[in-house]
Amino acid sequence: MNHSFIALQARYSQRVNHQLTQSLATISPSILKEAMSYSLLAGGKRIRPFLVYAVGQMFGCSLDKLDAPACAIEAIHTYSLIHDDLPAMDNDDLRRGMPTCHIKFDEATAILAGDALQTYAFSLIAQAPELPDSSKLAMIKELTQASGVFGMCLGQSLDLQSEHKTITIEELKYIHINKTGALINAAVNLGLFAADESALKYQSALKNYAESIGLAFQIQDDILDVIGDKNIMGKNQGADEQLAKNTYTSLIGLDASVEACQQLYTQAIEALDKIPYNSEALRQLADFIITRNS
């Protein structure tokens, strides 16, 4: 793996973790705060904050202006993971190599922790002193669209409905575009909205990039669910098969899924070629997504 990417990912991860820790310190002690902190600071690849920082910096935006949206999107992502792991959904007991939130605490606390992280995300943006009101409004609108009935929640609902049924590859793609892709596209837009308005002309190219890596990320997840190492992944292998979920590997096979990932990688790079700025960090992220083992 590219050493410069590893260093940059570590830098962005450390920054967003520091910002999240500082923000959480302002919340009064409670079991709810413990559960929120437990899941939010449990590690992870921090891909969505990486996208916020990388896109914003590509257009010359300061890191200070990017901290709030980077923290916000990670809070939304973590809330979704807490709820996805619940017995009523995917019923997982391991996340990021640790007991899931409802196992560590209890189901009611996990539900409330997810609820609290969702609203917490929007407050982070609304209260960010570094951002002008116009940017805040654009970011909040983007995050509400991507995380609710027009994006992530819709995708999760469709995913649950498709269990124990056979669906088409196009239907599965639509699920993934919403369940995973919407928030990845939102991360790109949050970074974009922190920059000058002149950057907005590249929103279409960035959307193509985000859609490609978002779908590639989910396909690689499907691949790892078949061939991944539980100890490296930090979660149970074969969970999708046990739940009779539709996956790329179950519908088109392992080899075709790997090929689909490669095609999406090519599409992502072609989208970046249309942006006359230094997009090396985004290129390296695309490579990481299709080669990762966790």
Protein backbone atom coordinates (compact mmCIF):
# COMPACT_ATOMS: atom_id res chain seq x y z
CA MET A 1 0.00 0.00 0.00
CA ASN A 2 1.18 3.53 -0.77
CA HIS A 3 3.09 4.92 2.22
CA SER A 4 1.98 8.50 1.55
CA PHE A 5 -1.65 7.37 1.66
CA ILE A 6 -1.11 5.54 4.94
CA ALA A 7 0.48 8.65 6.42
CA LEU A 8 -2.30 10.92 5.17
CA GLN A 9 -5.02 8.55 6.38
CA ALA A 10 -3.35 8.43 9.81
CA ARG A 11 -3.13 12.22 9.87
CA TYR A 12 -6.79 12.74 9.00
CA SER A 13 -7.92 9.96 11.35
CA GLN A 14 -5.95 11.40 14.26
CA ARG A 15 -7.35 14.84 13.55
CA VAL A 16 -11.00 13.78 13.40
CA ASN A 17 -10.55 11.57 16.48
CA HIS A 18 -9.05 14.49 18.39
CA GLN A 19 -11.88 16.79 17.33
CA LEU A 20 -14.51 14.20 18.29
CA THR A 21 -12.88 13.60 21.67
CA GLN A 22 -12.80 17.33 22.41
CA SER A 23 -16.43 17.74 21.42
CA LEU A 24 -17.59 14.74 23.45
CA ALA A 25 -15.82 16.19 26.49
CA THR A 26 -18.41 18.99 26.57
CA ILE A 27 -21.25 16.49 27.17
CA SER A 28 -22.24 15.76 30.77
CA PRO A 29 -21.35 12.26 32.02
CA SER A 30 -24.01 9.57 31.56
CA ILE A 31 -24.45 6.02 30.30
CA LEU A 32 -25.71 7.54 27.04
CA LYS A 33 -22.51 9.54 26.63
CA GLU A 34 -20.46 6.40 27.39
CA ALA A 35 -22.27 4.47 24.68
CA MET A 36 -21.90 7.29 22.16
CA SER A 37 -18.19 7.62 22.91
CA TYR A 38 -17.64 3.87 22.91
CA SER A 39 -18.89 3.49 19.35
CA LEU A 40 -17.72 6.82 17.94
CA LEU A 41 -14.13 6.40 19.14
CA ALA A 42 -13.84 2.67 18.47
CA GLY A 43 -11.57 3.21 15.49
CA GLY A 44 -12.47 2.34 11.93
CA LYS A 45 -11.04 3.47 8.60
CA ARG A 46 -12.55 6.99 8.79
CA ILE A 47 -13.08 6.98 5.03
CA ARG A 48 -15.89 9.54 5.12
CA PRO A 49 -13.91 12.12 7.13
CA PHE A 50 -10.95 11.39 4.84
CA LEU A 51 -13.12 12.37 1.87
CA VAL A 52 -14.26 15.58 3.56
CA TYR A 53 -10.68 16.60 4.30
CA ALA A 54 -9.20 15.44 0.98
CA VAL A 55 -11.81 17.15 -1.21
CA GLY A 56 -11.75 20.35 0.82
CA GLN A 57 -7.95 20.52 0.80
CA MET A 58 -7.85 19.77 -2.93
CA PHE A 59 -9.64 23.09 -3.41
CA GLY A 60 -7.43 24.95 -0.94
CA CYS A 61 -9.74 24.81 2.08
CA SER A 62 -8.21 24.99 5.58
CA LEU A 63 -8.51 21.99 7.87
CA ASP A 64 -10.21 24.13 10.51
CA LYS A 65 -13.19 24.68 8.19
CA LEU A 66 -13.38 20.94 7.49
CA ASP A 67 -13.33 19.64 11.08
CA ALA A 68 -17.05 20.08 11.81
CA PRO A 69 -18.35 18.36 8.66
CA ALA A 70 -15.75 15.60 9.02
CA CYS A 71 -16.89 14.93 12.60
CA ALA A 72 -20.54 15.22 11.63
CA ILE A 73 -20.43 12.62 8.88
CA GLU A 74 -18.55 10.19 11.13
CA ALA A 75 -21.25 10.66 13.79
CA ILE A 76 -23.94 9.83 11.22
CA HIS A 77 -21.98 6.83 10.01
CA THR A 78 -21.46 5.54 13.55
CA TYR A 79 -25.15 5.95 14.37
CA SER A 80 -25.98 3.84 11.32
CA LEU A 81 -23.55 1.12 12.40
CA ILE A 82 -25.01 0.98 15.92
CA HIS A 83 -28.52 0.56 14.53
CA ASP A 84 -27.44 -1.86 11.77
CA ASP A 85 -25.93 -4.15 14.41
CA LEU A 86 -29.13 -4.36 16.48
CA PRO A 87 -30.98 -7.71 16.73
CA ALA A 88 -33.91 -6.26 14.74
CA MET A 89 -31.57 -5.56 11.81
CA ASP A 90 -28.30 -7.44 11.15
CA ASN A 91 -27.94 -8.84 14.69
CA ASP A 92 -24.14 -8.56 14.89
CA ASP A 93 -22.16 -8.93 18.09
CA LEU A 94 -18.79 -7.72 16.79
CA ARG A 95 -17.86 -4.35 15.26
CA ARG A 96 -14.35 -2.99 14.67
CA GLY A 97 -13.01 -5.92 16.68
CA MET A 98 -15.08 -4.98 19.74
CA PRO A 99 -18.48 -6.00 21.13
CA THR A 100 -21.24 -4.06 19.38
CA CYS A 101 -22.91 -1.24 21.28
CA HIS A 102 -26.00 -3.23 22.30
CA ILE A 103 -23.79 -6.08 23.53
CA LYS A 104 -21.51 -3.76 25.50
CA PHE A 105 -24.44 -1.87 27.01
CA ASP A 106 -28.01 -2.92 26.15
CA GLU A 107 -30.45 -2.56 23.27
CA ALA A 108 -32.27 0.50 24.61
CA THR A 109 -29.01 2.34 25.29
CA ALA A 110 -27.71 1.44 21.82
CA ILE A 111 -30.86 2.75 20.15
CA LEU A 112 -30.67 6.00 22.11
CA ALA A 113 -26.93 6.35 21.42
CA GLY A 114 -27.65 6.09 17.70
CA ASP A 115 -30.48 8.61 17.97
CA ALA A 116 -28.28 11.01 19.91
CA LEU A 117 -25.37 10.72 17.46
CA GLN A 118 -27.68 11.55 14.58
CA THR A 119 -28.84 14.87 16.04
CA TYR A 120 -25.34 15.52 17.44
CA ALA A 121 -24.02 15.48 13.88
CA PHE A 122 -26.22 18.35 12.78
CA SER A 123 -25.42 20.39 15.88
CA LEU A 124 -21.70 20.09 15.09
CA ILE A 125 -22.22 21.77 11.73
CA ALA A 126 -24.74 24.33 12.99
CA GLN A 127 -22.38 25.49 15.76
CA ALA A 128 -19.15 25.53 13.73
CA PRO A 129 -17.71 29.09 14.04
CA GLU A 130 -15.38 28.61 11.06
CA LEU A 131 -18.20 28.10 8.56
CA PRO A 132 -20.41 30.79 6.99
CA ASP A 133 -24.16 30.26 7.29
CA SER A 134 -24.50 29.52 3.58
CA SER A 135 -22.07 26.60 3.89
CA LYS A 136 -23.80 25.33 7.02
CA LEU A 137 -27.18 25.28 5.27
CA ALA A 138 -25.80 23.48 2.23
CA MET A 139 -24.06 20.90 4.42
CA ILE A 140 -27.09 20.26 6.63
CA LYS A 141 -29.32 19.86 3.59
CA GLU A 142 -26.83 17.45 2.03
CA LEU A 143 -26.49 15.37 5.18
CA THR A 144 -30.25 15.14 5.78
CA GLN A 145 -30.83 14.03 2.18
CA ALA A 146 -28.07 11.43 2.27
CA SER A 147 -28.82 9.94 5.68
CA GLY A 148 -32.62 9.68 5.62
CA VAL A 149 -35.45 8.44 3.43
CA PHE A 150 -33.71 9.69 0.27
CA GLY A 151 -30.50 7.82 1.02
CA MET A 152 -29.03 5.64 3.74
CA CYS A 153 -32.22 4.75 5.66
CA LEU A 154 -33.97 3.88 2.41
CA GLY A 155 -31.09 1.63 1.42
CA GLN A 156 -31.12 -0.15 4.78
CA SER A 157 -34.88 -0.65 4.56
CA LEU A 158 -34.64 -2.09 1.04
CA ASP A 159 -31.77 -4.31 2.16
CA LEU A 160 -33.84 -5.77 5.00
CA GLN A 161 -36.83 -6.31 2.70
CA SER A 162 -34.68 -8.20 0.20
CA GLU A 163 -33.52 -10.83 2.70
CA HIS A 164 -34.61 -14.38 1.84
CA LYS A 165 -35.63 -13.17 -1.64
CA THR A 166 -33.84 -13.22 -4.96
CA ILE A 167 -33.40 -9.78 -6.49
CA THR A 168 -31.71 -8.56 -9.66
CA ILE A 169 -28.23 -7.09 -9.78
CA GLU A 170 -29.74 -3.70 -10.67
CA GLU A 171 -31.96 -3.83 -7.58
CA LEU A 172 -28.94 -4.69 -5.46
CA LYS A 173 -26.99 -1.82 -7.01
CA TYR A 174 -29.84 0.56 -6.11
CA ILE A 175 -29.73 -0.68 -2.50
CA HIS A 176 -25.99 -0.07 -2.30
CA ILE A 177 -26.18 3.35 -3.97
CA ASN A 178 -28.48 4.42 -1.15
CA LYS A 179 -27.25 2.40 1.82
CA THR A 180 -23.52 3.05 1.34
CA GLY A 181 -23.07 5.36 -1.61
CA ALA A 182 -25.28 8.23 -0.45
CA LEU A 183 -23.15 8.98 2.60
CA ILE A 184 -19.92 8.67 0.65
CA ASN A 185 -21.24 11.14 -1.91
CA ALA A 186 -22.30 13.39 0.97
CA ALA A 187 -18.75 13.32 2.37
CA VAL A 188 -17.43 14.54 -0.97
CA ASN A 189 -20.02 17.32 -1.09
CA LEU A 190 -19.34 18.42 2.48
CA GLY A 191 -15.72 19.00 1.55
CA LEU A 192 -16.81 20.78 -1.62
CA PHE A 193 -19.27 23.06 0.20
CA ALA A 194 -16.53 24.23 2.56
CA ALA A 195 -14.51 25.51 -0.41
CA ASP A 196 -15.05 28.55 -2.64
CA GLU A 197 -18.08 28.58 -4.93
CA SER A 198 -15.79 28.24 -7.95
CA ALA A 199 -15.22 24.60 -6.96
CA LEU A 200 -18.90 23.76 -7.50
CA LYS A 201 -18.32 23.38 -11.25
CA TYR A 202 -16.62 20.06 -10.45
CA GLN A 203 -19.51 18.66 -8.43
CA SER A 204 -20.67 16.39 -11.27
CA ALA A 205 -17.23 14.82 -11.74
CA LEU A 206 -16.91 14.34 -7.99
CA LYS A 207 -20.34 12.71 -7.88
CA ASN A 208 -19.21 10.20 -10.52
CA TYR A 209 -16.10 9.53 -8.46
CA ALA A 210 -18.07 9.12 -5.25
CA GLU A 211 -20.66 6.81 -6.82
CA SER A 212 -17.91 4.62 -8.25
CA ILE A 213 -15.93 4.25 -5.02
CA GLY A 214 -19.13 3.92 -2.96
CA LEU A 215 -20.31 0.94 -4.97
CA ALA A 216 -16.79 -0.50 -5.12
CA PHE A 217 -16.58 -0.23 -1.32
CA GLN A 218 -19.76 -2.28 -0.90
CA ILE A 219 -18.73 -4.89 -3.46
CA GLN A 220 -15.38 -5.26 -1.69
CA ASP A 221 -17.32 -5.74 1.56
CA ASP A 222 -19.26 -8.55 -0.16
CA ILE A 223 -16.00 -10.08 -1.35
CA LEU A 224 -14.45 -9.90 2.12
CA ASP A 225 -17.55 -11.50 3.64
CA VAL A 226 -16.63 -14.56 1.57
CA ILE A 227 -12.83 -14.62 1.69
CA GLY A 228 -11.90 -12.17 4.48
CA ASP A 229 -10.13 -12.92 7.77
CA LYS A 230 -12.32 -12.26 10.82
CA ASN A 231 -9.27 -11.29 12.88
CA ILE A 232 -8.22 -8.67 10.32
CA MET A 233 -11.74 -7.43 9.51
CA GLY A 234 -12.82 -7.01 13.14
CA LYS A 235 -16.24 -8.50 12.40
CA ASN A 236 -17.72 -11.90 11.70
CA GLN A 237 -17.22 -13.47 8.29
CA GLY A 238 -20.17 -15.01 6.45
CA ALA A 239 -22.77 -12.85 8.20
CA ASP A 240 -24.49 -11.94 4.93
CA GLU A 241 -24.86 -15.57 3.95
CA GLN A 242 -26.35 -16.45 7.34
CA LEU A 243 -28.95 -13.71 6.91
CA ALA A 244 -29.68 -14.85 3.33
CA LYS A 245 -28.75 -11.39 2.08
CA ASN A 246 -28.32 -10.61 -1.59
CA THR A 247 -24.70 -9.74 -2.34
CA TYR A 248 -22.66 -9.23 -5.48
CA THR A 249 -20.82 -12.49 -4.80
CA SER A 250 -24.06 -14.44 -4.37
CA LEU A 251 -25.62 -12.97 -7.53
CA ILE A 252 -22.70 -12.82 -9.99
CA GLY A 253 -19.95 -14.83 -8.29
CA LEU A 254 -16.59 -13.96 -6.74
CA ASP A 255 -14.55 -13.48 -9.93
CA ALA A 256 -17.15 -11.21 -11.56
CA SER A 257 -17.39 -9.19 -8.35
CA VAL A 258 -13.63 -8.62 -8.34
CA GLU A 259 -13.84 -7.56 -11.99
CA ALA A 260 -16.72 -5.17 -11.20
CA CYS A 261 -14.56 -3.55 -8.50
CA GLN A 262 -11.76 -3.00 -10.98
CA GLN A 263 -14.14 -1.42 -13.50
CA LEU A 264 -15.48 0.95 -10.85
CA TYR A 265 -11.93 1.89 -9.89
CA THR A 266 -11.24 2.82 -13.51
CA GLN A 267 -14.41 4.91 -13.64
CA ALA A 268 -13.39 6.72 -10.44
CA ILE A 269 -9.97 7.61 -11.86
CA GLU A 270 -11.51 8.79 -15.13
CA ALA A 271 -13.80 11.11 -13.17
CA LEU A 272 -10.82 12.61 -11.32
CA ASP A 273 -9.03 13.18 -14.64
CA LYS A 274 -11.67 15.85 -15.37
CA ILE A 275 -10.68 17.92 -12.32
CA PRO A 276 -7.60 20.17 -12.86
CA TYR A 277 -6.51 20.04 -9.22
CA ASN A 278 -4.19 17.73 -7.30
CA SER A 279 -6.44 14.71 -6.67
CA GLU A 280 -3.69 12.29 -5.63
CA ALA A 281 -5.25 11.64 -2.21
CA LEU A 282 -8.57 10.69 -3.82
CA ARG A 283 -6.80 8.45 -6.33
CA GLN A 284 -4.97 6.65 -3.55
CA LEU A 285 -8.22 6.23 -1.61
CA ALA A 286 -9.85 4.59 -4.64
CA ASP A 287 -6.95 2.13 -4.81
CA PHE A 288 -7.21 1.44 -1.07
CA ILE A 289 -10.94 0.70 -1.32
CA ILE A 290 -10.55 -2.11 -3.86
CA THR A 291 -7.42 -3.63 -2.29
CA ARG A 292 -8.31 -3.45 1.42
CA ASN A 293 -8.61 -6.60 3.52
CA SER A 294 -10.80 -5.18 6.30
